[in-house]
Amino acid sequence: MLLLTEGQASDHRGATLILPALPPAQELLADRGYDSRRFRDALQARGIAPCIPSTKSRKVPIPHDAELYKQRHRIEIMFGRLKDWRRIAMRYDRCSHTFFAAITLAATVTFWLKQ
């Protein structure tokens, strides 16, 4: 399932919308933007252990597995490769379906070239 939210929406709100469509998993790696009590509780209700660092504004930080979190660089590398495509980085497409098509094409070509 793909979901495109407006730029002003917080990350955890969009993630909460697609949570029912997530495949079974043991852990979920995410950055500080996904740190919310509601999102963490929803993950734990599904049996998924959140590996999310606490936001700096949290009074009592919630611990996370720092070694597991180091694997998140792979996600950042993937986004970096997608942003190598100027059309995606600059968000030239006005329509969401055209933007999704560009992302799909870029992801497919990037995956194919990586093989």
N, C-alpha and C. Protein backbone atom coordinates (compact mmCIF):
# COMPACT_ATOMS: atom_id res chain seq x y z
N MET A 1 0.85 -1.18 0.00
CA MET A 1 0.00 0.00 0.00
C MET A 1 0.90 1.24 0.00
N LEU A 2 0.59 2.16 -0.85
CA LEU A 2 1.31 3.43 -0.91
C LEU A 2 0.37 4.54 -0.47
N LEU A 3 0.93 5.48 0.26
CA LEU A 3 0.13 6.59 0.75
C LEU A 3 0.96 7.85 0.65
N LEU A 4 0.40 8.87 0.06
CA LEU A 4 1.07 10.16 -0.05
C LEU A 4 0.30 11.16 0.79
N THR A 5 0.98 11.73 1.80
CA THR A 5 0.33 12.71 2.65
C THR A 5 0.84 14.09 2.27
N GLU A 6 0.14 15.10 2.72
CA GLU A 6 0.59 16.46 2.45
C GLU A 6 1.87 16.73 3.23
N GLY A 7 2.62 17.69 2.77
CA GLY A 7 3.92 17.98 3.35
C GLY A 7 3.87 18.44 4.79
N GLN A 8 2.75 18.99 5.23
CA GLN A 8 2.64 19.50 6.59
C GLN A 8 2.27 18.42 7.60
N ALA A 9 1.87 17.24 7.13
CA ALA A 9 1.45 16.17 8.04
C ALA A 9 2.66 15.54 8.71
N SER A 10 2.50 15.20 9.98
CA SER A 10 3.60 14.55 10.69
C SER A 10 3.74 13.11 10.23
N ASP A 11 4.94 12.57 10.39
CA ASP A 11 5.22 11.22 9.91
C ASP A 11 4.38 10.16 10.60
N HIS A 12 4.21 10.29 11.90
CA HIS A 12 3.48 9.24 12.61
C HIS A 12 2.01 9.19 12.25
N ARG A 13 1.43 10.30 11.79
CA ARG A 13 0.02 10.27 11.34
C ARG A 13 -0.13 9.44 10.07
N GLY A 14 0.77 9.64 9.11
CA GLY A 14 0.73 8.84 7.89
C GLY A 14 1.02 7.39 8.16
N ALA A 15 1.94 7.12 9.08
CA ALA A 15 2.28 5.74 9.41
C ALA A 15 1.11 5.04 10.09
N THR A 16 0.36 5.77 10.92
CA THR A 16 -0.80 5.18 11.58
C THR A 16 -1.85 4.77 10.56
N LEU A 17 -1.96 5.52 9.47
CA LEU A 17 -2.95 5.19 8.44
C LEU A 17 -2.62 3.89 7.71
N ILE A 18 -1.34 3.61 7.51
CA ILE A 18 -0.98 2.39 6.77
C ILE A 18 -0.63 1.22 7.69
N LEU A 19 -0.72 1.42 8.99
CA LEU A 19 -0.38 0.37 9.94
C LEU A 19 -1.17 -0.92 9.71
N PRO A 20 -2.47 -0.87 9.42
CA PRO A 20 -3.19 -2.13 9.18
C PRO A 20 -2.68 -2.90 7.96
N ALA A 21 -2.03 -2.23 7.01
CA ALA A 21 -1.55 -2.90 5.80
C ALA A 21 -0.12 -3.42 5.93
N LEU A 22 0.52 -3.19 7.08
CA LEU A 22 1.89 -3.66 7.25
C LEU A 22 1.95 -5.18 7.28
N PRO A 23 2.96 -5.77 6.66
CA PRO A 23 3.12 -7.22 6.75
C PRO A 23 3.60 -7.60 8.16
N PRO A 24 3.48 -8.86 8.53
CA PRO A 24 3.97 -9.28 9.85
C PRO A 24 5.47 -8.97 9.98
N ALA A 25 5.85 -8.45 11.13
CA ALA A 25 7.25 -8.09 11.37
C ALA A 25 7.56 -8.23 12.85
N GLN A 26 8.85 -8.32 13.16
CA GLN A 26 9.27 -8.38 14.56
C GLN A 26 9.63 -7.00 15.08
N GLU A 27 10.32 -6.19 14.24
CA GLU A 27 10.72 -4.85 14.63
C GLU A 27 10.38 -3.85 13.53
N LEU A 28 10.28 -2.60 13.93
CA LEU A 28 10.10 -1.53 12.97
C LEU A 28 11.14 -0.45 13.27
N LEU A 29 11.97 -0.15 12.28
CA LEU A 29 12.98 0.90 12.42
C LEU A 29 12.39 2.20 11.89
N ALA A 30 12.51 3.26 12.68
CA ALA A 30 11.99 4.56 12.25
C ALA A 30 12.78 5.66 12.94
N ASP A 31 12.73 6.86 12.35
CA ASP A 31 13.44 7.97 12.97
C ASP A 31 12.55 8.68 13.98
N ARG A 32 13.07 9.77 14.54
CA ARG A 32 12.38 10.48 15.61
C ARG A 32 11.01 11.02 15.21
N GLY A 33 10.80 11.22 13.92
CA GLY A 33 9.52 11.75 13.45
C GLY A 33 8.35 10.81 13.72
N TYR A 34 8.64 9.56 13.97
CA TYR A 34 7.60 8.57 14.22
C TYR A 34 7.39 8.32 15.72
N ASP A 35 8.04 9.10 16.56
CA ASP A 35 7.95 8.90 18.00
C ASP A 35 6.67 9.52 18.54
N SER A 36 5.69 8.68 18.78
CA SER A 36 4.47 9.10 19.46
C SER A 36 3.95 7.91 20.26
N ARG A 37 3.34 8.20 21.37
CA ARG A 37 2.83 7.14 22.25
C ARG A 37 1.79 6.30 21.50
N ARG A 38 0.90 6.95 20.77
CA ARG A 38 -0.16 6.23 20.06
C ARG A 38 0.42 5.27 19.02
N PHE A 39 1.41 5.72 18.26
CA PHE A 39 2.02 4.87 17.23
C PHE A 39 2.78 3.71 17.87
N ARG A 40 3.51 3.97 18.94
CA ARG A 40 4.23 2.90 19.64
C ARG A 40 3.26 1.86 20.19
N ASP A 41 2.15 2.33 20.78
CA ASP A 41 1.16 1.40 21.33
C ASP A 41 0.51 0.56 20.24
N ALA A 42 0.23 1.18 19.09
CA ALA A 42 -0.37 0.44 17.97
C ALA A 42 0.59 -0.63 17.45
N LEU A 43 1.88 -0.31 17.39
CA LEU A 43 2.87 -1.30 16.96
C LEU A 43 2.95 -2.46 17.95
N GLN A 44 3.01 -2.15 19.22
CA GLN A 44 3.11 -3.20 20.22
C GLN A 44 1.86 -4.06 20.28
N ALA A 45 0.70 -3.48 19.98
CA ALA A 45 -0.54 -4.26 19.93
C ALA A 45 -0.49 -5.29 18.80
N ARG A 46 0.25 -4.99 17.74
CA ARG A 46 0.41 -5.93 16.62
C ARG A 46 1.59 -6.87 16.82
N GLY A 47 2.29 -6.75 17.94
CA GLY A 47 3.42 -7.62 18.22
C GLY A 47 4.71 -7.16 17.56
N ILE A 48 4.79 -5.90 17.20
CA ILE A 48 5.97 -5.34 16.55
C ILE A 48 6.71 -4.48 17.57
N ALA A 49 8.01 -4.76 17.74
CA ALA A 49 8.83 -3.98 18.67
C ALA A 49 9.32 -2.72 17.97
N PRO A 50 8.95 -1.53 18.45
CA PRO A 50 9.42 -0.30 17.81
C PRO A 50 10.87 0.00 18.17
N CYS A 51 11.67 0.32 17.18
CA CYS A 51 13.05 0.76 17.38
C CYS A 51 13.09 2.21 16.90
N ILE A 52 12.60 3.10 17.77
CA ILE A 52 12.45 4.51 17.43
C ILE A 52 13.11 5.34 18.54
N PRO A 53 14.10 6.15 18.20
CA PRO A 53 14.67 7.01 19.23
C PRO A 53 13.65 8.05 19.69
N SER A 54 13.74 8.43 20.92
CA SER A 54 12.81 9.42 21.47
C SER A 54 13.12 10.82 20.94
N THR A 55 12.08 11.62 20.82
CA THR A 55 12.30 13.00 20.43
C THR A 55 13.00 13.73 21.58
N LYS A 56 13.67 14.80 21.25
CA LYS A 56 14.42 15.54 22.27
C LYS A 56 13.49 16.24 23.26
N SER A 57 12.24 16.43 22.87
CA SER A 57 11.30 17.12 23.76
C SER A 57 10.68 16.17 24.78
N ARG A 58 10.90 14.88 24.67
CA ARG A 58 10.36 13.93 25.63
C ARG A 58 11.04 14.10 26.99
N LYS A 59 10.26 14.20 28.04
CA LYS A 59 10.83 14.38 29.37
C LYS A 59 11.52 13.12 29.85
N VAL A 60 10.90 11.97 29.60
CA VAL A 60 11.49 10.68 29.97
C VAL A 60 11.74 9.92 28.67
N PRO A 61 13.00 9.86 28.22
CA PRO A 61 13.29 9.16 26.96
C PRO A 61 12.97 7.67 27.03
N ILE A 62 12.47 7.15 25.93
CA ILE A 62 12.18 5.72 25.83
C ILE A 62 13.39 5.06 25.19
N PRO A 63 13.96 4.04 25.82
CA PRO A 63 15.16 3.41 25.26
C PRO A 63 14.85 2.66 23.97
N HIS A 64 15.87 2.56 23.10
CA HIS A 64 15.74 1.80 21.86
C HIS A 64 17.04 1.02 21.64
N ASP A 65 16.99 0.03 20.78
CA ASP A 65 18.16 -0.80 20.48
C ASP A 65 19.07 -0.04 19.52
N ALA A 66 20.17 0.50 20.03
CA ALA A 66 21.06 1.33 19.22
C ALA A 66 21.74 0.51 18.12
N GLU A 67 22.07 -0.74 18.39
CA GLU A 67 22.72 -1.59 17.38
C GLU A 67 21.76 -1.88 16.22
N LEU A 68 20.52 -2.18 16.53
CA LEU A 68 19.54 -2.42 15.48
C LEU A 68 19.27 -1.14 14.69
N TYR A 69 19.25 -0.01 15.38
CA TYR A 69 18.97 1.27 14.72
C TYR A 69 20.04 1.65 13.71
N LYS A 70 21.26 1.13 13.87
CA LYS A 70 22.33 1.41 12.92
C LYS A 70 22.00 0.89 11.52
N GLN A 71 21.12 -0.09 11.41
CA GLN A 71 20.74 -0.63 10.10
C GLN A 71 19.85 0.34 9.32
N ARG A 72 19.39 1.39 9.97
CA ARG A 72 18.51 2.35 9.32
C ARG A 72 19.20 3.12 8.20
N HIS A 73 20.52 3.08 8.16
CA HIS A 73 21.23 3.78 7.08
C HIS A 73 20.84 3.23 5.71
N ARG A 74 20.41 1.99 5.65
CA ARG A 74 19.97 1.41 4.37
C ARG A 74 18.72 2.11 3.86
N ILE A 75 17.85 2.49 4.76
CA ILE A 75 16.64 3.22 4.38
C ILE A 75 17.02 4.59 3.84
N GLU A 76 17.95 5.26 4.53
CA GLU A 76 18.39 6.59 4.10
C GLU A 76 19.10 6.52 2.75
N ILE A 77 19.87 5.47 2.51
CA ILE A 77 20.53 5.30 1.22
C ILE A 77 19.49 5.15 0.11
N MET A 78 18.43 4.40 0.38
CA MET A 78 17.36 4.22 -0.61
C MET A 78 16.70 5.55 -0.95
N PHE A 79 16.40 6.36 0.07
CA PHE A 79 15.80 7.67 -0.21
C PHE A 79 16.77 8.57 -0.95
N GLY A 80 18.05 8.47 -0.63
CA GLY A 80 19.06 9.25 -1.34
C GLY A 80 19.13 8.89 -2.82
N ARG A 81 19.01 7.59 -3.11
CA ARG A 81 19.03 7.15 -4.51
C ARG A 81 17.79 7.63 -5.26
N LEU A 82 16.66 7.64 -4.58
CA LEU A 82 15.44 8.15 -5.23
C LEU A 82 15.58 9.66 -5.50
N LYS A 83 16.21 10.37 -4.59
CA LYS A 83 16.35 11.81 -4.76
C LYS A 83 17.44 12.18 -5.77
N ASP A 84 18.20 11.18 -6.26
CA ASP A 84 19.11 11.44 -7.37
C ASP A 84 18.33 11.79 -8.63
N TRP A 85 17.08 11.38 -8.66
CA TRP A 85 16.20 11.71 -9.79
C TRP A 85 15.64 13.10 -9.51
N ARG A 86 16.04 14.04 -10.31
CA ARG A 86 15.68 15.44 -10.07
C ARG A 86 14.17 15.64 -10.03
N ARG A 87 13.45 14.95 -10.86
CA ARG A 87 12.00 15.08 -10.91
C ARG A 87 11.37 14.76 -9.55
N ILE A 88 11.95 13.78 -8.84
CA ILE A 88 11.41 13.40 -7.53
C ILE A 88 11.90 14.37 -6.46
N ALA A 89 13.18 14.70 -6.49
CA ALA A 89 13.75 15.58 -5.47
C ALA A 89 13.09 16.96 -5.47
N MET A 90 12.80 17.49 -6.66
CA MET A 90 12.23 18.83 -6.77
C MET A 90 10.71 18.82 -6.78
N ARG A 91 10.11 17.61 -6.82
CA ARG A 91 8.65 17.45 -6.78
C ARG A 91 7.98 18.25 -7.91
N TYR A 92 8.46 18.00 -9.15
CA TYR A 92 7.92 18.71 -10.31
C TYR A 92 6.46 18.36 -10.60
N ASP A 93 6.06 17.14 -10.31
CA ASP A 93 4.71 16.69 -10.65
C ASP A 93 3.69 17.26 -9.67
N ARG A 94 2.62 17.80 -10.19
CA ARG A 94 1.59 18.36 -9.33
C ARG A 94 0.61 17.31 -8.86
N CYS A 95 0.29 16.36 -9.71
CA CYS A 95 -0.68 15.33 -9.37
C CYS A 95 -0.01 14.19 -8.60
N SER A 96 -0.71 13.68 -7.60
CA SER A 96 -0.13 12.62 -6.78
C SER A 96 0.09 11.34 -7.59
N HIS A 97 -0.83 11.03 -8.52
CA HIS A 97 -0.66 9.79 -9.29
C HIS A 97 0.55 9.88 -10.22
N THR A 98 0.85 11.06 -10.74
CA THR A 98 2.03 11.23 -11.59
C THR A 98 3.30 11.15 -10.75
N PHE A 99 3.27 11.72 -9.55
CA PHE A 99 4.41 11.65 -8.65
C PHE A 99 4.69 10.21 -8.24
N PHE A 100 3.63 9.46 -7.93
CA PHE A 100 3.79 8.04 -7.59
C PHE A 100 4.37 7.26 -8.76
N ALA A 101 3.94 7.58 -9.96
CA ALA A 101 4.48 6.90 -11.15
C ALA A 101 5.97 7.17 -11.28
N ALA A 102 6.39 8.39 -11.04
CA ALA A 102 7.81 8.73 -11.12
C ALA A 102 8.61 7.99 -10.05
N ILE A 103 8.07 7.92 -8.84
CA ILE A 103 8.75 7.19 -7.76
C ILE A 103 8.86 5.72 -8.10
N THR A 104 7.78 5.13 -8.63
CA THR A 104 7.79 3.72 -9.00
C THR A 104 8.81 3.45 -10.09
N LEU A 105 8.86 4.30 -11.08
CA LEU A 105 9.83 4.13 -12.17
C LEU A 105 11.26 4.26 -11.63
N ALA A 106 11.51 5.26 -10.81
CA ALA A 106 12.85 5.46 -10.26
C ALA A 106 13.26 4.28 -9.37
N ALA A 107 12.35 3.79 -8.56
CA ALA A 107 12.66 2.66 -7.68
C ALA A 107 12.94 1.40 -8.50
N THR A 108 12.17 1.18 -9.55
CA THR A 108 12.37 0.01 -10.40
C THR A 108 13.71 0.07 -11.11
N VAL A 109 14.03 1.19 -11.69
CA VAL A 109 15.32 1.34 -12.40
C VAL A 109 16.49 1.23 -11.42
N THR A 110 16.36 1.85 -10.25
CA THR A 110 17.41 1.77 -9.24
C THR A 110 17.63 0.34 -8.80
N PHE A 111 16.54 -0.39 -8.57
CA PHE A 111 16.66 -1.80 -8.17
C PHE A 111 17.28 -2.62 -9.28
N TRP A 112 16.85 -2.38 -10.53
CA TRP A 112 17.35 -3.14 -11.67
C TRP A 112 18.85 -2.88 -11.88
N LEU A 113 19.29 -1.65 -11.73
CA LEU A 113 20.70 -1.32 -11.91
C LEU A 113 21.56 -1.89 -10.77
N LYS A 114 20.96 -2.05 -9.61
CA LYS A 114 21.70 -2.57 -8.46
C LYS A 114 21.98 -4.07 -8.59
N GLN A 115 21.16 -4.77 -9.36
CA GLN A 115 21.30 -6.23 -9.51
C GLN A 115 22.59 -6.63 -10.16
